Each structure stands twice: as C-alpha cells, then as structure tokens.
Amino acid sequence: MRKVRDYDAELKALEDKARALKARRVEQLGQLVTATGADALDMETLAGALLDAVASKDAEAKEAWREKGAAFFRGRRRKSRRTAGGNSDGGNAQPGADPASGSGAAS
C-alpha cells in the first residue's frame, strides 16, 4: 500500500527552506556591503550606485567590475587563510562566496 503524501507539510517545508535561503542571501549581501566599506556611504548614494550598475548596458564595464570583485574575494580568501591560525580577524571571508560560481554577488 502506498504511503499518503502530506502535501501541506511538504509545501510548508519548502516555504521554510526558501525563507531561510532568502534570509541567508540578505545577510550575505549585508556582509558584502560592510566588507567592501560601502557601509560608509549613505543609503541614497549606495542605492544610486547599485541602480546605475544594474541599468548599465556597458558589457566592458560590467566585466571590469566582475574581475575587480573576483580579485576582492581572492584577496579575502588569502587573508583569511593567513590569519586562520591566529586570533585576529580570520574567518571574515564571505561564507559561501565563490567567485568562480558568482555566488555572493548580486546577479
């Protein structure tokens, strides 16, 4: 005999997982803003810069930004590896941020 599926429970589990993933992404974006020093900007300036980046049609500029971002994450990884054994700020690299896959950046 087949087991009866509880669709409501499955749907709730999926909604909970989606909510957790969204919360994690928001947290990572906040960490990115802080790590890059963009938290020193007022919210209007930061929002304006991001809106310009999103609206930009210049593929060369976007590629330059991507390369600069990838270099930022590579530098953060090296720094965290060097300080991981000590008691300084090791482990501050973006969790789950992998420049090769593009995660950790707004896509």
Protein backbone atom coordinates (compact mmCIF):
# COMPACT_ATOMS: atom_id res chain seq x y z
CA MET A 1 0.00 0.00 0.00
CA ARG A 2 1.29 3.46 -0.89
CA LYS A 3 2.02 5.96 1.80
CA VAL A 4 -0.25 9.01 1.69
CA ARG A 5 1.68 12.21 0.99
CA ASP A 6 1.15 15.21 3.20
CA TYR A 7 1.26 17.97 0.59
CA ASP A 8 0.66 20.70 3.17
CA ALA A 9 3.67 19.59 5.22
CA GLU A 10 5.85 19.34 2.10
CA LEU A 11 4.76 22.80 0.96
CA LYS A 12 5.45 24.27 4.40
CA ALA A 13 8.92 22.65 4.43
CA LEU A 14 9.68 24.15 1.00
CA GLU A 15 8.45 27.58 2.11
CA ASP A 16 10.62 27.38 5.24
CA LYS A 17 13.64 26.44 3.14
CA ALA A 18 13.00 29.29 0.69
CA ARG A 19 12.63 31.73 3.60
CA ALA A 20 15.94 30.52 5.12
CA LEU A 21 17.75 30.85 1.78
CA LYS A 22 16.41 34.38 1.29
CA ALA A 23 17.46 35.36 4.82
CA ARG A 24 20.94 33.93 4.19
CA ARG A 25 21.26 35.89 0.94
CA VAL A 26 20.18 39.13 2.63
CA GLU A 27 22.72 38.52 5.41
CA GLN A 28 25.49 37.83 2.89
CA LEU A 29 24.66 41.00 0.94
CA GLY A 30 24.87 42.97 4.18
CA GLN A 31 28.24 41.38 4.94
CA LEU A 32 29.40 42.27 1.42
CA VAL A 33 28.42 45.92 1.91
CA THR A 34 30.35 46.00 5.18
CA ALA A 35 33.39 44.10 3.85
CA THR A 36 33.79 46.43 0.88
CA GLY A 37 33.48 49.55 3.02
CA ALA A 38 30.30 50.58 1.23
CA ASP A 39 28.59 50.92 4.61
CA ALA A 40 30.42 54.26 4.91
CA LEU A 41 28.19 55.60 2.11
CA ASP A 42 24.76 56.96 2.87
CA MET A 43 21.91 54.71 1.73
CA GLU A 44 20.85 57.00 -1.12
CA THR A 45 24.35 57.05 -2.63
CA LEU A 46 24.76 53.29 -2.33
CA ALA A 47 21.30 52.69 -3.82
CA GLY A 48 22.08 55.07 -6.69
CA ALA A 49 25.38 53.35 -7.46
CA LEU A 50 23.73 49.94 -7.44
CA LEU A 51 20.88 51.15 -9.66
CA ASP A 52 23.39 52.54 -12.16
CA ALA A 53 25.28 49.23 -12.15
CA VAL A 54 22.07 47.27 -12.75
CA ALA A 55 20.93 49.61 -15.54
CA SER A 56 24.34 49.73 -17.24
CA LYS A 57 24.42 48.25 -20.74
CA ASP A 58 28.23 48.57 -20.96
CA ALA A 59 29.47 44.97 -21.11
CA GLU A 60 33.11 46.03 -20.76
CA ALA A 61 32.39 47.97 -17.58
CA LYS A 62 30.43 45.04 -16.13
CA GLU A 63 33.29 42.66 -16.93
CA ALA A 64 35.76 45.03 -15.28
CA TRP A 65 33.54 45.18 -12.19
CA ARG A 66 33.27 41.38 -12.16
CA GLU A 67 37.06 40.98 -12.37
CA LYS A 68 37.57 43.52 -9.61
CA GLY A 69 35.02 41.68 -7.45
CA ALA A 70 36.64 38.31 -8.10
CA ALA A 71 40.03 39.78 -7.12
CA PHE A 72 38.44 41.15 -3.94
CA PHE A 73 37.19 37.69 -2.95
CA ARG A 74 40.52 36.04 -3.84
CA GLY A 75 42.31 38.58 -1.63
CA ARG A 76 39.85 37.99 1.24
CA ARG A 77 40.41 34.24 0.99
CA ARG A 78 44.19 34.58 1.12
CA LYS A 79 43.91 36.94 4.07
CA SER A 80 41.59 34.58 5.97
CA ARG A 81 43.92 31.63 5.35
CA ARG A 82 46.89 33.59 6.70
CA THR A 83 45.06 34.65 9.85
CA ALA A 84 43.07 31.47 10.45
CA GLY A 85 45.73 30.08 12.78
CA GLY A 86 45.95 33.29 14.80
CA ASN A 87 43.38 35.06 16.89
CA SER A 88 42.95 38.06 14.61
CA ASP A 89 40.07 38.54 12.17
CA GLY A 90 40.39 35.18 10.40
CA GLY A 91 37.20 33.69 9.02
CA ASN A 92 35.73 37.03 7.94
CA ALA A 93 35.60 35.99 4.30
CA GLN A 94 32.08 35.80 2.86
CA PRO A 95 30.57 32.43 3.74
CA GLY A 96 29.54 30.55 0.64
CA ALA A 97 31.08 33.19 -1.62
CA ASP A 98 32.76 31.50 -4.55
CA PRO A 99 33.96 33.92 -7.24
CA ALA A 100 34.07 31.15 -9.83
CA SER A 101 30.38 30.41 -9.44
CA GLY A 102 29.37 34.03 -8.99
CA SER A 103 27.67 33.48 -5.63
CA GLY A 104 27.93 36.22 -3.10
CA ALA A 105 27.36 38.86 -5.73
CA ALA A 106 24.06 40.25 -6.84
CA SER A 107 23.18 38.66 -10.15
